N, C-alpha and C. Protein backbone atom coordinates (compact mmCIF):
# COMPACT_ATOMS: atom_id res chain seq x y z
N MET A 1 100.55 113.78 145.30
CA MET A 1 99.59 112.93 145.58
C MET A 1 99.05 112.96 147.16
N ASP A 2 97.86 113.18 147.55
CA ASP A 2 97.93 113.42 148.95
C ASP A 2 96.74 112.30 149.37
N GLU A 3 96.36 112.12 150.87
CA GLU A 3 95.65 111.15 151.11
C GLU A 3 94.35 111.71 150.67
N LEU A 4 93.87 112.60 150.01
CA LEU A 4 92.43 113.18 149.40
C LEU A 4 92.41 112.70 148.20
N SER A 5 93.49 112.32 147.48
CA SER A 5 93.40 111.66 145.98
C SER A 5 92.83 110.31 146.18
N PRO A 6 92.14 110.35 144.90
CA PRO A 6 91.45 108.61 145.08
C PRO A 6 92.28 107.45 145.22
N ARG A 7 91.91 106.42 145.45
CA ARG A 7 92.74 105.46 145.45
C ARG A 7 92.24 104.10 144.71
N LEU A 8 92.83 103.59 143.74
CA LEU A 8 92.40 102.81 142.90
C LEU A 8 93.37 101.61 142.80
N LEU A 9 92.23 100.39 142.53
CA LEU A 9 93.02 99.10 142.70
C LEU A 9 92.62 98.75 141.15
N ILE A 10 93.72 98.12 140.49
CA ILE A 10 94.06 98.30 139.08
C ILE A 10 94.50 96.48 138.96
N PRO A 11 93.71 95.54 138.83
CA PRO A 11 93.90 94.26 138.51
C PRO A 11 94.10 94.01 136.98
N ASP A 12 95.20 93.79 136.29
CA ASP A 12 95.52 93.63 135.15
C ASP A 12 96.63 92.53 135.08
N ASP A 13 96.71 91.69 134.09
CA ASP A 13 98.03 90.62 133.81
C ASP A 13 99.12 90.87 132.75
N HIS A 14 98.79 92.21 132.18
CA HIS A 14 99.73 92.70 131.14
C HIS A 14 100.56 93.63 131.39
N LEU A 15 102.04 93.50 131.45
CA LEU A 15 102.45 94.55 132.03
C LEU A 15 102.18 96.02 131.16
N VAL A 16 102.09 96.28 129.85
CA VAL A 16 101.90 97.14 129.21
C VAL A 16 100.85 97.80 129.61
N ASN A 17 99.87 97.21 129.87
CA ASN A 17 98.26 97.93 130.11
C ASN A 17 98.70 98.25 131.82
N GLN A 18 99.69 97.96 132.60
CA GLN A 18 100.21 97.95 133.93
C GLN A 18 100.72 99.33 133.69
N VAL A 19 101.71 99.67 133.19
CA VAL A 19 102.45 100.53 132.85
C VAL A 19 101.60 102.08 132.53
N PHE A 20 100.68 101.63 131.28
CA PHE A 20 99.64 102.73 130.90
C PHE A 20 98.92 103.23 131.95
N MET A 21 98.11 102.18 132.87
CA MET A 21 97.33 102.77 133.64
C MET A 21 98.23 103.36 135.13
N SER A 22 99.23 102.82 135.24
CA SER A 22 100.24 103.70 136.17
C SER A 22 100.39 105.08 135.82
N GLU A 23 100.77 105.33 134.40
CA GLU A 23 101.28 106.48 133.96
C GLU A 23 99.89 107.26 134.12
N VAL A 24 98.70 107.15 133.28
CA VAL A 24 97.30 107.91 133.45
C VAL A 24 97.43 108.25 135.31
N CYS A 25 97.24 107.15 136.17
CA CYS A 25 97.09 107.44 137.59
C CYS A 25 98.10 108.66 138.14
N ASP A 26 99.29 108.66 137.80
CA ASP A 26 100.23 109.33 138.00
C ASP A 26 100.02 110.94 137.26
N ALA A 27 99.42 110.67 136.21
CA ALA A 27 99.12 112.42 135.43
C ALA A 27 97.79 112.83 136.07
N PHE A 28 97.11 112.17 136.79
CA PHE A 28 95.67 112.84 137.54
C PHE A 28 95.82 112.72 138.87
N GLY A 29 97.23 112.41 139.50
CA GLY A 29 97.60 112.22 140.86
C GLY A 29 96.33 111.37 141.71
N TRP A 30 96.19 110.30 140.88
CA TRP A 30 95.55 109.55 141.63
C TRP A 30 96.40 108.34 142.21
N ARG A 31 96.17 108.20 143.59
CA ARG A 31 97.09 106.73 143.99
C ARG A 31 96.37 105.34 143.74
N TYR A 32 96.94 104.43 143.58
CA TYR A 32 97.00 103.14 143.24
C TYR A 32 97.66 102.30 143.47
N GLU A 33 97.45 100.70 143.20
CA GLU A 33 97.77 99.87 143.60
C GLU A 33 97.56 98.83 142.40
N ILE A 34 98.62 98.06 141.66
CA ILE A 34 98.63 97.21 140.40
C ILE A 34 98.88 95.65 141.07
N VAL A 35 97.69 94.81 140.84
CA VAL A 35 97.89 93.35 141.06
C VAL A 35 97.55 92.79 139.69
N GLY A 36 98.07 91.42 139.89
CA GLY A 36 98.20 90.80 138.66
C GLY A 36 97.18 89.56 138.12
N ASP A 37 96.02 89.61 139.08
CA ASP A 37 94.89 88.66 138.65
C ASP A 37 93.69 89.18 139.71
N GLY A 38 92.76 88.34 139.42
CA GLY A 38 91.64 88.35 140.43
C GLY A 38 91.98 88.13 141.58
N ALA A 39 92.52 87.18 142.02
CA ALA A 39 92.51 86.52 143.13
C ALA A 39 93.61 87.65 144.05
N ALA A 40 94.45 87.93 143.45
CA ALA A 40 95.34 89.26 144.14
C ALA A 40 94.80 90.19 144.50
N CYS A 41 93.44 90.44 143.42
CA CYS A 41 92.83 91.72 143.27
C CYS A 41 91.96 91.46 144.94
N ILE A 42 91.24 90.50 145.34
CA ILE A 42 90.65 89.99 146.14
C ILE A 42 91.55 90.44 147.54
N GLU A 43 92.53 89.67 147.55
CA GLU A 43 93.55 89.73 148.77
C GLU A 43 93.88 91.12 148.91
N ALA A 44 94.29 91.91 148.36
CA ALA A 44 94.37 93.33 148.41
C ALA A 44 93.34 94.21 149.19
N LEU A 45 92.13 93.93 148.48
CA LEU A 45 90.86 94.24 149.17
C LEU A 45 90.80 94.10 150.60
N MET A 46 90.85 92.65 150.89
CA MET A 46 90.42 92.18 152.34
C MET A 46 91.61 92.73 153.31
N HIS A 47 92.76 92.73 152.99
CA HIS A 47 93.91 93.13 153.86
C HIS A 47 94.29 94.57 153.62
N ASP A 48 93.44 95.14 153.22
CA ASP A 48 94.10 96.79 152.79
C ASP A 48 93.29 97.71 154.07
N ASP A 49 94.25 98.42 154.93
CA ASP A 49 93.64 99.23 156.03
C ASP A 49 93.51 100.64 155.47
N VAL A 50 93.70 100.93 154.58
CA VAL A 50 93.14 102.44 154.01
C VAL A 50 92.34 102.25 153.13
N GLY A 51 91.62 101.61 152.28
CA GLY A 51 90.55 101.54 151.52
C GLY A 51 90.53 102.02 150.04
N PHE A 52 90.33 101.20 149.15
CA PHE A 52 90.29 101.59 147.76
C PHE A 52 88.97 102.12 147.74
N ASP A 53 88.80 103.28 146.57
CA ASP A 53 87.74 104.14 146.33
C ASP A 53 87.24 103.43 144.87
N LEU A 54 87.91 102.98 143.97
CA LEU A 54 87.33 102.42 142.89
C LEU A 54 88.37 100.71 142.46
N ILE A 55 88.11 100.31 141.47
CA ILE A 55 88.84 99.13 140.72
C ILE A 55 88.40 99.18 139.51
N LEU A 56 89.42 99.15 138.70
CA LEU A 56 89.96 99.27 137.38
C LEU A 56 90.15 97.73 136.87
N MET A 57 88.95 96.84 136.57
CA MET A 57 89.30 95.51 136.37
C MET A 57 89.78 94.97 135.11
N ASP A 58 90.49 94.58 134.72
CA ASP A 58 90.69 93.76 133.52
C ASP A 58 90.13 92.59 133.82
N ILE A 59 89.17 92.03 132.48
CA ILE A 59 88.39 90.81 132.37
C ILE A 59 88.56 89.61 132.53
N HIS A 60 89.76 89.45 131.43
CA HIS A 60 90.58 87.93 131.07
C HIS A 60 91.71 88.01 131.83
N MET A 61 91.91 87.67 133.05
CA MET A 61 93.32 87.06 133.48
C MET A 61 93.41 85.87 133.52
N PRO A 62 94.40 85.25 134.00
CA PRO A 62 94.51 83.68 134.21
C PRO A 62 94.24 83.79 135.73
N GLY A 63 93.77 82.36 136.14
CA GLY A 63 93.35 82.11 137.51
C GLY A 63 92.08 82.69 137.49
N THR A 64 91.89 83.51 138.59
CA THR A 64 90.69 84.24 138.66
C THR A 64 90.30 85.06 137.77
N SER A 65 89.28 85.21 136.76
CA SER A 65 88.79 86.28 136.46
C SER A 65 88.46 87.47 136.69
N GLY A 66 88.61 88.49 136.07
CA GLY A 66 87.64 89.63 136.61
C GLY A 66 86.40 89.42 136.83
N ILE A 67 85.70 88.81 136.00
CA ILE A 67 84.43 88.76 136.12
C ILE A 67 83.97 87.70 137.39
N ALA A 68 84.94 86.86 137.71
CA ALA A 68 84.89 85.77 138.85
C ALA A 68 85.33 86.75 140.38
N ALA A 69 86.52 87.44 140.09
CA ALA A 69 86.48 88.07 141.14
C ALA A 69 85.48 89.72 141.97
N ALA A 70 85.38 90.19 140.75
CA ALA A 70 83.80 91.03 140.75
C ALA A 70 82.70 90.58 141.53
N ALA A 71 82.36 89.14 141.11
CA ALA A 71 81.30 88.36 141.56
C ALA A 71 81.44 88.00 143.36
N GLN A 72 82.75 87.58 143.29
CA GLN A 72 83.01 87.32 144.83
C GLN A 72 83.06 88.67 145.72
N ILE A 73 83.51 89.53 145.40
CA ILE A 73 83.49 91.18 145.85
C ILE A 73 82.09 91.41 146.03
N ARG A 74 81.34 91.35 145.32
CA ARG A 74 80.01 91.37 145.44
C ARG A 74 79.23 90.55 146.20
N SER A 75 79.72 89.26 146.94
CA SER A 75 79.24 88.55 147.57
C SER A 75 79.71 88.54 149.33
N GLN A 76 80.72 89.73 149.22
CA GLN A 76 81.44 89.75 150.61
C GLN A 76 80.28 90.31 151.41
N ASP A 77 80.27 89.91 152.94
CA ASP A 77 79.45 90.23 153.87
C ASP A 77 80.30 91.98 154.10
N LEU A 78 81.62 92.06 154.03
CA LEU A 78 81.70 93.20 154.36
C LEU A 78 81.73 94.52 153.50
N ASP A 79 81.05 95.73 154.11
CA ASP A 79 80.85 96.85 153.10
C ASP A 79 81.49 97.96 153.75
N PRO A 80 82.70 98.56 153.07
CA PRO A 80 83.48 98.16 151.83
C PRO A 80 84.17 96.79 152.18
N PRO A 81 84.86 96.29 151.20
CA PRO A 81 84.58 96.40 149.69
C PRO A 81 83.23 95.97 148.90
N LYS A 82 82.42 95.42 149.47
CA LYS A 82 81.29 95.08 148.84
C LYS A 82 80.63 96.02 148.07
N SER A 83 80.93 97.05 147.87
CA SER A 83 79.96 98.29 147.49
C SER A 83 80.76 98.91 146.64
N ILE A 84 82.27 98.60 146.59
CA ILE A 84 83.45 99.64 145.78
C ILE A 84 82.88 99.72 144.17
N PRO A 85 83.13 100.76 143.43
CA PRO A 85 82.46 100.77 141.98
C PRO A 85 83.59 99.49 141.60
N ILE A 86 83.08 98.91 140.38
CA ILE A 86 84.37 98.21 139.55
C ILE A 86 83.95 98.62 138.17
N VAL A 87 84.75 99.21 137.51
CA VAL A 87 84.86 99.50 136.11
C VAL A 87 85.47 97.98 135.22
N ALA A 88 84.95 97.50 134.75
CA ALA A 88 85.20 96.50 133.48
C ALA A 88 85.99 97.15 132.76
N VAL A 89 87.24 96.87 132.32
CA VAL A 89 88.36 97.43 131.58
C VAL A 89 89.10 96.28 130.34
N THR A 90 88.27 96.31 129.31
CA THR A 90 88.50 95.09 128.78
C THR A 90 88.27 95.12 126.65
N ALA A 91 89.14 94.43 125.98
CA ALA A 91 88.80 94.54 125.15
C ALA A 91 87.79 94.07 124.05
N ASP A 92 87.07 92.99 125.19
CA ASP A 92 85.95 92.54 124.68
C ASP A 92 85.06 93.08 125.16
N VAL A 93 84.32 93.82 123.84
CA VAL A 93 83.15 94.56 123.92
C VAL A 93 81.88 93.98 123.74
N SER A 94 81.64 92.43 123.51
CA SER A 94 80.89 91.89 123.00
C SER A 94 79.56 91.95 123.71
N HIS A 95 78.35 91.81 123.30
CA HIS A 95 77.26 92.11 124.36
C HIS A 95 77.33 91.15 125.25
N GLU A 96 77.52 89.42 124.95
CA GLU A 96 77.34 88.53 126.06
C GLU A 96 78.74 88.90 126.98
N ASN A 97 79.78 89.83 126.99
CA ASN A 97 80.90 90.23 128.08
C ASN A 97 80.07 91.21 128.39
N ARG A 98 79.44 91.93 128.23
CA ARG A 98 78.62 92.86 128.91
C ARG A 98 77.89 92.48 129.58
N SER A 99 77.36 91.72 129.11
CA SER A 99 75.82 90.93 130.20
C SER A 99 76.50 90.17 131.47
N ASN A 100 77.33 89.32 131.35
CA ASN A 100 78.40 88.80 131.92
C ASN A 100 79.03 89.77 133.27
N CYS A 101 79.28 90.93 132.65
CA CYS A 101 79.90 92.05 133.89
C CYS A 101 78.75 92.43 134.32
N SER A 102 78.10 92.52 134.08
CA SER A 102 76.90 93.40 134.69
C SER A 102 76.04 92.14 135.64
N GLN A 103 75.87 90.88 135.47
CA GLN A 103 75.60 89.99 136.08
C GLN A 103 76.35 90.00 137.11
N ALA A 104 77.54 90.04 137.18
CA ALA A 104 78.62 90.12 138.14
C ALA A 104 78.95 91.13 139.07
N GLY A 105 77.91 92.03 138.90
CA GLY A 105 77.99 93.32 139.87
C GLY A 105 78.78 94.37 139.38
N ILE A 106 79.20 94.38 138.06
CA ILE A 106 80.62 95.19 137.49
C ILE A 106 79.61 96.74 137.01
N ASP A 107 80.00 97.79 137.55
CA ASP A 107 79.46 98.97 137.38
C ASP A 107 79.42 99.45 136.24
N ARG A 108 80.36 99.30 135.55
CA ARG A 108 80.47 100.19 134.41
C ARG A 108 81.39 99.44 133.13
N PHE A 109 81.64 99.81 132.32
CA PHE A 109 82.24 98.74 131.36
C PHE A 109 83.18 100.11 130.27
N LEU A 110 84.66 99.90 129.94
CA LEU A 110 85.44 100.71 129.50
C LEU A 110 86.20 99.64 128.58
N GLY A 111 86.08 100.20 127.37
CA GLY A 111 86.78 99.21 126.21
C GLY A 111 88.05 99.77 126.08
N LYS A 112 88.70 98.49 125.45
CA LYS A 112 90.27 98.80 125.26
C LYS A 112 90.18 99.05 123.55
N PRO A 113 91.26 100.04 123.19
CA PRO A 113 92.00 100.44 124.10
C PRO A 113 91.46 101.79 124.68
N VAL A 114 92.05 101.86 125.89
CA VAL A 114 91.36 102.84 126.58
C VAL A 114 91.34 104.52 126.08
N ARG A 115 90.67 104.91 126.26
CA ARG A 115 90.72 106.66 125.56
C ARG A 115 90.94 107.33 127.11
N VAL A 116 91.95 107.98 127.62
CA VAL A 116 92.07 108.69 128.89
C VAL A 116 90.82 109.78 129.10
N PRO A 117 90.63 110.30 128.19
CA PRO A 117 89.11 111.43 128.42
C PRO A 117 88.00 110.51 129.06
N GLU A 118 87.92 109.59 128.32
CA GLU A 118 86.67 108.80 128.96
C GLU A 118 87.25 107.84 130.31
N LEU A 119 88.27 107.51 130.65
CA LEU A 119 88.74 106.84 131.60
C LEU A 119 88.43 107.79 132.72
N LYS A 120 88.90 109.26 132.77
CA LYS A 120 89.05 110.00 133.59
C LYS A 120 87.63 110.59 134.17
N GLU A 121 86.56 110.96 132.98
CA GLU A 121 85.12 111.02 132.96
C GLU A 121 84.74 110.13 133.82
N MET A 122 84.84 108.65 133.80
CA MET A 122 84.16 107.90 134.63
C MET A 122 84.68 107.52 135.46
N VAL A 123 85.69 107.94 136.04
CA VAL A 123 86.34 107.49 137.50
C VAL A 123 85.83 108.65 138.15
N GLU A 124 86.15 110.01 137.49
CA GLU A 124 85.67 111.19 138.46
C GLU A 124 83.73 110.94 138.80
N ASP A 125 83.17 110.39 137.62
CA ASP A 125 81.66 110.24 137.95
C ASP A 125 81.30 109.28 138.79
N LEU A 126 81.86 108.26 138.95
CA LEU A 126 81.84 107.21 139.78
C LEU A 126 82.31 107.71 141.20
N LEU A 127 83.31 108.28 141.27
CA LEU A 127 83.70 108.85 142.77
C LEU A 127 82.69 109.93 143.24
N ALA A 128 82.29 111.02 142.42
CA ALA A 128 81.26 111.46 142.54
C ALA A 128 79.91 111.20 143.29
N GLY A 129 79.85 110.10 142.73
CA GLY A 129 78.30 109.34 143.15
C GLY A 129 78.51 108.79 144.16
N LYS A 130 79.80 108.16 144.37
CA LYS A 130 80.31 107.41 145.70
C LYS A 130 80.38 108.57 147.10
N ALA A 131 80.46 109.79 146.81
CA ALA A 131 80.52 110.73 147.66
C ALA A 131 79.26 110.92 148.43
N GLN A 132 78.17 110.80 147.37
CA GLN A 132 76.90 111.64 148.08
C GLN A 132 76.00 110.59 148.91
């Protein structure tokens, strides 16, 4: 991995999901930081000197949920992180949850179980759009 590879922030409270996402990131050469909840996600964004390129956000976490964290990120005065792409990564694929994610400013929605090719394509697509 080098400084040109994308840097992802991954808020997720489940160890199995954290291990899975770290293995995927390692396989694609993506740099990443994993945090356990939405509050830690916001903290990581606000105190990071390098900058994250994308957030893969679990939605249902204790404390600050992914939806609440996304809404707080979108309300920031600082840009970035205000405009960082956010992908909801969740097993709750209901229409209501999708709508709540969209209202919170989440850019894309990825259902669990995560299919690696779909995740890779989504990350590359969002990062290509960010570079334009």
